[in-house]
Protein backbone atom coordinates (compact mmCIF):
# COMPACT_ATOMS: atom_id res chain seq x y z
CA MET A 1 71.43 106.72 76.81
CA ASP A 2 72.42 104.82 73.64
CA ASN A 3 72.17 108.20 71.69
CA LEU A 4 75.12 109.37 73.75
CA THR A 5 77.38 106.45 73.00
CA GLN A 6 79.06 107.86 69.81
CA PRO A 7 79.59 111.46 70.97
CA LEU A 8 80.88 110.42 74.39
CA GLY A 9 83.07 107.74 72.84
CA ARG A 10 84.77 110.48 70.88
CA VAL A 11 85.22 112.83 73.81
CA VAL A 12 86.14 110.37 76.51
CA LYS A 13 87.55 107.55 74.26
CA ALA A 14 85.04 105.17 75.83
CA ARG A 15 84.07 101.90 74.14
CA PRO A 16 80.32 101.39 73.36
CA ASP A 17 80.10 98.64 75.92
CA GLU A 18 81.53 101.01 78.61
CA VAL A 19 79.29 103.99 78.09
CA ARG A 20 76.26 102.89 80.14
CA ALA A 21 78.20 101.95 83.22
CA MET A 22 80.37 105.05 82.93
CA LEU A 23 77.25 107.35 82.81
CA TRP A 24 75.65 105.70 85.79
CA ALA A 25 78.94 105.98 87.63
CA PHE A 26 78.96 109.75 86.68
CA ALA A 27 75.47 110.12 88.12
CA TYR A 28 76.35 108.14 91.20
CA PHE A 29 79.36 110.27 92.09
CA PHE A 30 77.33 113.43 91.23
CA CYS A 31 74.76 112.43 93.93
CA LEU A 32 77.42 111.65 96.48
CA LEU A 33 79.32 114.87 96.17
CA SER A 34 76.29 117.03 95.80
CA GLY A 35 75.22 115.60 99.16
CA TYR A 36 78.57 116.08 100.72
CA TYR A 37 79.11 119.66 99.43
CA ILE A 38 75.70 120.60 100.92
CA LEU A 39 77.19 119.48 104.15
CA ARG A 40 80.74 120.81 103.75
CA PRO A 41 80.05 124.52 104.44
CA LEU A 42 77.82 123.51 107.36
CA ARG A 43 80.66 121.31 108.69
CA ASP A 44 83.19 124.15 108.37
CA GLU A 45 80.85 126.54 110.15
CA SER A 46 80.29 123.91 112.82
CA GLY A 47 84.02 123.70 113.33
CA ILE A 48 84.21 127.49 113.98
CA ALA A 49 81.01 127.31 116.19
CA ALA A 50 82.75 124.62 118.31
CA GLY A 51 85.74 126.98 118.63
CA VAL A 52 88.77 127.47 116.31
CA GLY A 53 91.01 126.69 119.33
CA ASN A 54 89.33 123.30 119.59
CA LEU A 55 89.91 122.19 116.00
CA GLN A 56 92.85 119.86 116.99
CA TRP A 57 90.47 118.11 119.39
CA LEU A 58 87.82 117.71 116.75
CA PHE A 59 90.42 116.21 114.42
CA THR A 60 91.53 113.78 117.18
CA GLY A 61 87.93 112.88 117.93
CA THR A 62 87.30 112.26 114.24
CA PHE A 63 90.30 109.80 114.19
CA PHE A 64 88.87 107.81 117.14
CA VAL A 65 85.40 107.72 115.57
CA MET A 66 87.08 106.38 112.41
CA LEU A 67 88.97 103.79 114.44
CA ALA A 68 85.66 102.54 115.74
CA VAL A 69 83.80 102.53 112.42
CA ALA A 70 86.56 100.98 110.25
CA PRO A 71 86.45 97.49 111.88
CA LEU A 72 82.70 97.53 111.49
CA PHE A 73 83.07 98.28 107.79
CA GLY A 74 85.68 95.47 107.54
CA ALA A 75 83.29 93.04 109.15
CA LEU A 76 80.50 94.09 106.70
CA VAL A 77 82.79 93.63 103.69
CA THR A 78 83.94 90.25 104.92
CA ARG A 79 80.46 88.76 105.31
CA VAL A 80 78.26 90.55 102.76
CA PRO A 81 78.57 90.69 98.96
CA ARG A 82 79.06 94.11 97.35
CA ARG A 83 75.54 94.08 95.84
CA GLN A 84 74.35 94.48 99.48
CA PHE A 85 77.03 96.23 101.50
CA ILE A 86 77.47 99.20 99.20
CA PRO A 87 73.75 100.26 99.40
CA TRP A 88 73.80 99.52 103.20
CA VAL A 89 76.60 101.98 103.80
CA TYR A 90 74.70 104.76 102.07
CA HIS A 91 71.42 103.90 103.84
CA PHE A 92 73.31 104.10 107.18
CA PHE A 93 74.79 107.52 106.50
CA ALA A 94 71.49 108.89 105.19
CA ALA A 95 69.85 107.72 108.46
CA SER A 96 72.55 109.37 110.49
CA LEU A 97 71.83 112.73 108.72
CA VAL A 98 68.14 112.41 109.52
CA LEU A 99 69.23 111.95 113.20
CA PHE A 100 71.31 115.17 113.14
CA PHE A 101 68.37 116.93 111.54
CA ALA A 102 66.25 115.86 114.46
CA LEU A 103 68.90 116.94 117.01
CA GLY A 104 69.36 120.27 115.27
CA HIS A 105 65.68 121.03 115.89
CA ALA A 106 65.41 119.45 119.28
CA ILE A 107 68.49 121.16 120.84
CA PRO A 108 69.63 123.98 118.45
CA GLY A 109 72.88 125.91 119.02
CA GLN A 110 74.60 123.38 121.20
CA ALA A 111 78.40 123.40 120.84
CA TYR A 112 78.66 119.68 121.46
CA VAL A 113 76.18 118.89 118.71
CA ALA A 114 78.25 121.12 116.33
CA GLY A 115 81.39 119.28 117.30
CA ALA A 116 79.74 115.89 116.78
CA PHE A 117 78.38 116.98 113.46
CA PHE A 118 81.90 118.20 112.42
CA MET A 119 83.43 114.88 113.25
CA TRP A 120 80.67 112.75 111.70
CA VAL A 121 80.64 114.66 108.36
CA SER A 122 84.41 114.14 108.27
CA VAL A 123 83.82 110.38 108.66
CA PHE A 124 80.96 110.46 106.19
CA ASN A 125 83.04 112.12 103.49
CA LEU A 126 85.76 109.59 103.50
CA PHE A 127 83.60 106.48 103.78
CA VAL A 128 81.11 107.29 101.04
CA VAL A 129 83.88 108.31 98.66
CA THR A 130 86.28 105.32 99.43
CA VAL A 131 83.38 102.94 98.87
CA PHE A 132 82.65 104.63 95.49
CA TRP A 133 86.20 104.45 94.29
CA GLY A 134 86.76 100.91 95.55
CA PHE A 135 83.76 100.00 93.50
CA MET A 136 85.14 101.73 90.44
CA ALA A 137 88.53 100.05 90.80
CA ASP A 138 86.73 96.76 90.98
CA LEU A 139 84.73 97.46 87.83
CA PHE A 140 87.43 98.90 85.60
CA ASN A 141 91.05 97.90 84.95
CA THR A 142 94.12 100.25 84.74
CA GLU A 143 93.83 100.94 81.09
CA GLN A 144 90.12 101.78 81.48
CA GLY A 145 90.82 103.75 84.56
CA LYS A 146 93.17 106.10 82.76
CA ARG A 147 90.57 106.69 80.04
CA LEU A 148 87.42 106.84 82.05
CA PHE A 149 88.15 107.98 85.64
CA GLY A 150 88.52 111.63 84.63
CA PHE A 151 85.04 111.65 83.16
CA ILE A 152 83.57 109.75 86.10
CA ALA A 153 85.36 112.09 88.55
CA ALA A 154 83.71 114.93 86.64
CA GLY A 155 80.37 113.67 87.96
CA GLY A 156 81.63 114.35 91.43
CA SER A 157 82.90 117.72 90.41
CA ALA A 158 79.53 118.58 88.93
CA GLY A 159 78.00 117.57 92.24
CA ALA A 160 80.53 119.71 94.04
CA LEU A 161 79.31 122.56 91.82
CA VAL A 162 75.62 122.03 92.53
CA GLY A 163 76.06 121.29 96.27
CA PRO A 164 77.52 124.78 97.14
CA LEU A 165 74.86 126.49 94.93
CA LEU A 166 72.10 124.71 96.79
CA THR A 167 73.69 125.59 100.15
CA ALA A 168 74.33 129.25 99.16
CA GLY A 169 70.84 129.64 97.63
CA LEU A 170 68.71 127.76 100.21
CA VAL A 171 70.43 128.29 103.56
CA THR A 172 68.80 131.63 104.12
CA TYR A 173 65.33 130.40 103.35
CA LEU A 174 65.38 126.85 104.78
CA GLY A 175 68.06 127.21 107.52
CA PRO A 176 71.21 125.06 107.78
CA VAL A 177 69.54 122.17 109.60
CA ASN A 178 66.83 121.45 106.98
CA LEU A 179 69.50 121.10 104.30
CA LEU A 180 70.47 117.85 105.92
CA LEU A 181 67.35 116.20 104.46
CA ILE A 182 68.36 117.12 100.94
CA SER A 183 71.74 115.56 101.44
CA ALA A 184 70.20 112.32 102.83
CA LEU A 185 67.79 112.20 99.79
CA LEU A 186 70.74 112.48 97.40
CA LEU A 187 72.44 109.52 99.16
CA GLU A 188 69.35 107.41 98.45
CA VAL A 189 69.41 108.47 94.77
CA ALA A 190 73.04 107.30 94.77
CA VAL A 191 71.86 103.94 95.85
CA LEU A 192 69.61 103.71 92.80
CA CYS A 193 72.64 104.50 90.62
CA VAL A 194 74.52 101.67 92.30
CA ARG A 195 71.79 99.18 91.40
CA GLN A 196 71.74 100.41 87.81
CA ILE A 197 75.50 99.88 87.55
CA LEU A 198 75.18 96.35 88.91
CA ASN A 199 72.32 95.56 86.61
CA THR A 200 74.31 96.97 83.61
CA GLN A 201 77.28 94.86 84.61
CA GLN A 202 75.11 91.75 84.93
CA ALA A 203 73.88 92.34 81.39
CA GLN A 204 77.51 92.39 80.02
CA LYS A 205 78.93 89.30 78.45
CA PRO A 206 81.56 87.42 80.55
CA ALA A 207 84.14 88.37 77.89
CA ASN A 208 83.72 92.05 78.78
CA SER A 209 86.66 93.72 80.50
CA MET A 210 84.59 94.59 83.49
CA THR A 211 84.35 92.16 86.45
CA ALA A 212 82.17 89.10 85.85
CA GLN A 213 78.59 89.00 87.05
CA SER A 214 79.46 86.55 89.89
CA ALA A 215 81.52 89.38 91.60
CA ASN A 216 78.28 91.11 92.58
CA ASP A 217 77.27 88.19 94.77
CA GLN A 218 80.68 86.94 95.82
CA VAL A 219 81.63 87.51 99.44
CA ILE A 220 85.15 88.93 99.67
CA GLY A 221 85.90 87.04 102.88
CA GLY A 222 89.08 87.41 104.91
CA GLY A 223 89.42 88.76 108.32
CA ILE A 224 87.94 91.97 109.79
CA LEU A 225 91.42 93.46 110.18
CA ALA A 226 92.72 92.19 106.88
CA GLY A 227 93.07 95.75 105.60
CA LEU A 228 95.86 96.37 108.11
CA THR A 229 97.71 93.13 107.37
CA GLU A 230 97.41 93.74 103.61
CA ILE A 231 99.05 97.17 104.05
CA ALA A 232 101.82 95.79 106.18
CA ARG A 233 102.66 93.11 103.56
CA SER A 234 102.64 95.49 100.51
CA PRO A 235 105.39 98.10 99.92
CA PHE A 236 103.13 99.61 97.25
CA LEU A 237 100.32 100.15 99.73
CA MET A 238 102.78 101.54 102.23
CA LEU A 239 103.88 104.16 99.64
CA ILE A 240 100.22 105.05 99.19
CA CYS A 241 99.96 105.42 102.99
CA CYS A 242 102.94 107.86 102.97
CA HIS A 243 101.28 109.84 100.20
CA VAL A 244 98.03 110.11 102.19
CA LEU A 245 99.87 111.17 105.33
CA LEU A 246 101.61 114.01 103.40
CA LEU A 247 98.40 114.95 101.76
CA SER A 248 96.77 115.07 105.22
CA LEU A 249 99.67 117.16 106.63
CA THR A 250 99.49 119.85 103.92
CA SER A 251 95.64 119.85 103.89
CA THR A 252 95.45 120.17 107.71
CA PHE A 253 97.95 123.04 107.80
CA LEU A 254 95.91 124.78 105.03
CA TYR A 255 92.57 124.09 106.72
CA PHE A 256 93.84 125.53 110.06
CA GLN A 257 95.10 128.64 108.25
CA GLN A 258 91.75 128.90 106.45
CA ALA A 259 89.89 128.77 109.75
CA SER A 260 92.06 131.52 111.24
CA ILE A 261 91.99 133.81 108.17
CA VAL A 262 88.25 133.49 107.54
CA SER A 263 87.39 133.77 111.27
CA ALA A 264 89.33 136.97 111.48
CA ALA A 265 87.79 138.42 108.34
CA PHE A 266 84.11 137.71 109.17
CA ASP A 267 82.11 137.81 112.43
CA ASN A 268 78.78 136.46 111.05
CA PRO A 269 78.31 132.69 110.74
CA ALA A 270 76.13 133.15 107.61
CA ASP A 271 78.93 135.20 106.00
CA ARG A 272 81.52 132.53 106.70
CA THR A 273 79.22 129.84 105.37
CA ARG A 274 78.83 131.77 102.14
CA VAL A 275 82.59 132.27 101.86
CA PHE A 276 83.20 128.54 102.30
CA ALA A 277 80.48 127.76 99.67
CA SER A 278 82.02 130.24 97.33
CA ILE A 279 85.43 128.57 97.55
CA ASP A 280 83.79 125.24 96.81
CA LEU A 281 81.97 126.79 93.82
CA ALA A 282 85.12 128.16 92.37
CA VAL A 283 86.96 124.94 92.77
CA SER A 284 84.18 123.01 91.12
CA VAL A 285 83.98 125.19 88.00
CA VAL A 286 87.73 124.87 87.34
CA THR A 287 87.79 121.12 88.17
CA ILE A 288 84.95 119.98 85.98
CA ILE A 289 86.44 121.75 83.00
CA LEU A 290 89.78 120.04 83.54
CA GLN A 291 88.11 116.60 84.06
CA LEU A 292 85.98 116.70 81.02
CA THR A 293 88.70 118.02 78.71
CA VAL A 294 92.26 117.10 79.66
CA THR A 295 92.42 114.62 82.65
CA GLY A 296 92.17 111.55 80.53
CA SER A 297 94.81 112.67 78.11
CA VAL A 298 97.12 113.76 81.00
CA LEU A 299 96.79 110.21 82.64
CA VAL A 300 97.40 108.37 79.37
CA ARG A 301 100.22 110.57 78.00
CA LEU A 302 102.11 111.73 81.14
CA GLY A 303 101.22 108.84 83.42
CA VAL A 304 99.90 108.41 86.94
CA GLY A 305 103.03 109.78 88.73
CA ALA A 306 103.05 113.12 86.90
CA ALA A 307 99.29 113.56 87.51
CA LEU A 308 99.82 112.97 91.17
CA ALA A 309 102.86 115.12 91.41
CA SER A 310 100.99 118.13 90.02
CA LEU A 311 99.15 118.51 93.31
CA ALA A 312 102.35 118.58 95.34
CA PHE A 313 103.82 121.29 93.06
CA VAL A 314 100.68 123.38 93.29
CA THR A 315 100.75 122.98 97.09
CA MET A 316 104.36 124.03 97.23
CA GLY A 317 103.65 127.22 95.28
CA GLY A 318 100.52 127.95 97.31
CA PHE A 319 102.23 127.81 100.67
CA LEU A 320 105.06 129.92 99.36
CA ALA A 321 102.43 132.57 98.39
CA LEU A 322 100.79 132.32 101.81
CA ALA A 323 104.23 132.62 103.50
CA ILE A 324 104.66 135.95 101.67
CA MET A 325 101.12 137.28 102.03
CA PRO A 326 98.72 135.41 104.32
CA THR A 327 95.63 137.12 103.26
CA LEU A 328 92.07 135.99 102.38
CA ILE A 329 92.46 136.52 98.62
CA VAL A 330 95.67 134.45 98.48
CA LEU A 331 93.92 131.76 100.54
CA VAL A 332 90.95 131.61 98.17
CA VAL A 333 93.14 131.40 95.09
CA PHE A 334 95.42 128.72 96.72
CA GLN A 335 92.47 126.64 97.86
CA ALA A 336 90.94 126.87 94.33
CA LEU A 337 94.12 125.86 92.52
CA LYS A 338 95.02 123.15 95.04
CA ARG A 339 91.72 121.47 95.07
CA ALA A 340 91.39 121.80 91.26
CA ALA A 341 94.71 119.98 90.90
CA GLU A 342 93.58 117.45 93.51
CA PHE A 343 90.17 116.66 91.98
CA GLY A 344 91.08 117.33 88.38
CA PHE A 345 94.28 115.31 88.17
CA ALA A 346 95.58 113.76 91.52
CA ASN A 347 92.44 112.00 92.66
CA PRO A 348 91.58 110.21 89.37
CA ALA A 349 95.36 109.23 89.27
CA ARG A 350 95.21 108.03 92.87
CA GLU A 351 92.20 105.82 92.26
CA THR A 352 93.96 104.32 89.25
CA LEU A 353 96.58 103.13 91.64
CA PHE A 354 94.12 100.67 93.12
CA THR A 355 93.26 99.00 89.78
CA VAL A 356 96.48 96.85 90.18
CA VAL A 357 95.67 95.39 93.65
CA THR A 358 93.50 92.52 94.78
CA ARG A 359 89.77 92.80 95.45
CA GLU A 360 90.42 92.46 99.27
CA GLN A 361 92.92 95.30 99.00
CA LYS A 362 90.56 97.39 96.96
CA TYR A 363 87.81 97.29 99.65
CA LYS A 364 89.58 96.58 102.93
CA ALA A 365 93.03 98.06 102.64
CA LYS A 366 91.78 101.01 100.65
CA SER A 367 89.09 101.79 103.32
CA VAL A 368 91.74 101.71 106.00
CA ILE A 369 94.06 104.02 104.07
CA ASP A 370 91.33 106.45 103.05
CA THR A 371 89.72 106.57 106.51
CA ALA A 372 91.88 105.59 109.51
CA VAL A 373 95.23 106.43 108.02
CA PHE A 374 93.97 109.75 106.60
CA ARG A 375 92.11 110.86 109.73
CA GLY A 376 95.00 109.52 111.96
CA GLY A 377 97.22 111.87 109.95
CA ASP A 378 94.68 114.68 110.48
CA ALA A 379 94.77 114.13 114.23
CA VAL A 380 98.54 114.05 114.46
CA ASN A 381 98.97 116.93 112.08
CA GLY A 382 96.49 119.02 113.85
CA TRP A 383 98.57 118.76 117.02
CA ILE A 384 101.74 119.45 115.02
CA TYR A 385 100.18 122.62 113.73
CA THR A 386 99.02 123.51 117.23
CA GLY A 387 102.62 122.82 118.52
CA LEU A 388 104.10 125.14 115.87
CA ARG A 389 101.77 127.93 116.87
CA SER A 390 102.46 127.37 120.58
CA ILE A 391 106.27 127.95 120.00
CA GLY A 392 105.48 131.23 118.31
CA LEU A 393 105.35 130.53 114.64
CA ASP A 394 102.81 132.70 112.79
CA LEU A 395 100.80 131.84 109.67
CA SER A 396 103.68 132.80 107.33
CA ALA A 397 106.33 130.77 109.12
CA ILE A 398 104.04 127.70 109.24
CA ALA A 399 103.31 128.08 105.47
CA LEU A 400 107.06 128.23 104.89
CA VAL A 401 107.56 124.95 106.79
CA ALA A 402 105.20 123.31 104.40
CA VAL A 403 107.21 124.24 101.28
CA PRO A 404 110.11 121.72 101.57
CA ILE A 405 107.63 119.06 102.74
CA SER A 406 105.64 119.56 99.45
CA VAL A 407 108.90 119.09 97.43
CA ALA A 408 109.63 115.73 99.16
CA TRP A 409 106.04 114.75 98.59
CA ALA A 410 106.36 115.45 94.79
CA VAL A 411 109.36 113.08 94.69
CA LEU A 412 107.38 110.36 96.53
CA LEU A 413 104.49 110.70 94.08
CA LEU A 414 106.76 110.28 91.04
CA LEU A 415 108.16 107.11 92.60
CA LEU A 416 104.66 105.86 93.38
CA GLY A 417 103.53 106.43 89.76
CA ARG A 418 106.52 104.47 88.49
CA LYS A 419 105.72 101.55 90.79
CA GLN A 420 102.15 101.47 89.68
CA GLU A 421 103.14 101.27 86.06
CA GLU A 422 105.38 98.30 86.88
CA LEU A 423 102.63 96.44 88.64
CA ALA A 424 100.19 97.18 85.80
CA GLN A 425 102.61 95.71 83.31
CA SER A 426 103.49 92.65 85.37
CA LYS A 427 99.94 91.40 86.06
CA PRO A 428 96.43 92.09 84.97
CA ALA A 429 94.06 93.92 87.34
CA GLU A 430 91.62 91.61 89.20
């Protein structure tokens, strides 16, 4: 790994003392998103199998599952140091995938199992990723985040590239249910990466810019519902909540349109699964190129606000295109560009926002925002979409509704980026 220090330092602008932790973080995120992107096409197919007309119920159910899980996570963070609670989260989700593997073989083809799997993967995705980025925001400060988060995020994009390839290549031979075990195994490898990061951090001198060794064994404390109170007291966190709700609204509208367009285009579940995997593959190829080459430069030179707003502008253009021509090819191009902007620029920028908040906010408030607020938005927005359809709006009209919303979202993101820069200048990250 030491042989990579100099070449990586030139590409990523990483200091020698940062490279080891950065590479383990890259591998950690690679495992997480490889595992998730094996599940994502299976989840999307499960949503169709449970009924396209029932998607709003699945989104609502996901929100209530999230409401039940979030306080349990808050209690864990309150009482257990991060050296323990981070691996425990991944062990729990790996075990849940093994359970769905057993159910898939014991009672195959059941709609209620498909619905439960859809909801659980939606919970799984947000929790495993929010724990990852909370950990990263705890390890690195704002200045480091701008330089390093693009490269670290590329680990996830590489995983998002490998996951669909594994799904597309193995689903015919192994069957969808057996792929769950591969995802569970990748979660366990992610735990090994977490331990390596903690060991690397422990070996750093106290003067290093990363968090001191004692943070590994320090209990964060506070109340189980502290995430909610922290959000209520912080205008900055409230702005992030508004961003998440608008992201959820536009993503939900696009997801429902994707389900309708793909369902109408293909009758065979295997064909639909391959289409979903192909979209994920196209997104990953574009995203990883962006993250390895220009993300860091964009964050450093243009700032967090501009990187965030790029997603809103791409979303605006995509919905305008769908309003004019709601076809499969337009959908695929829109999804590829939107998610490339999201993962290539907006997500690393969004995670940099949390480098200027307290440790309790990084783990508790962030988990509430990334899970309960996001899935609550999904539930509400799912019903909004259903309501718009019920009053007679077609796919083009609904896409047109999303265009001015995306413009307002871009303005909000520019404001949020400016606020983050002010906080970063006024106090050091904890």
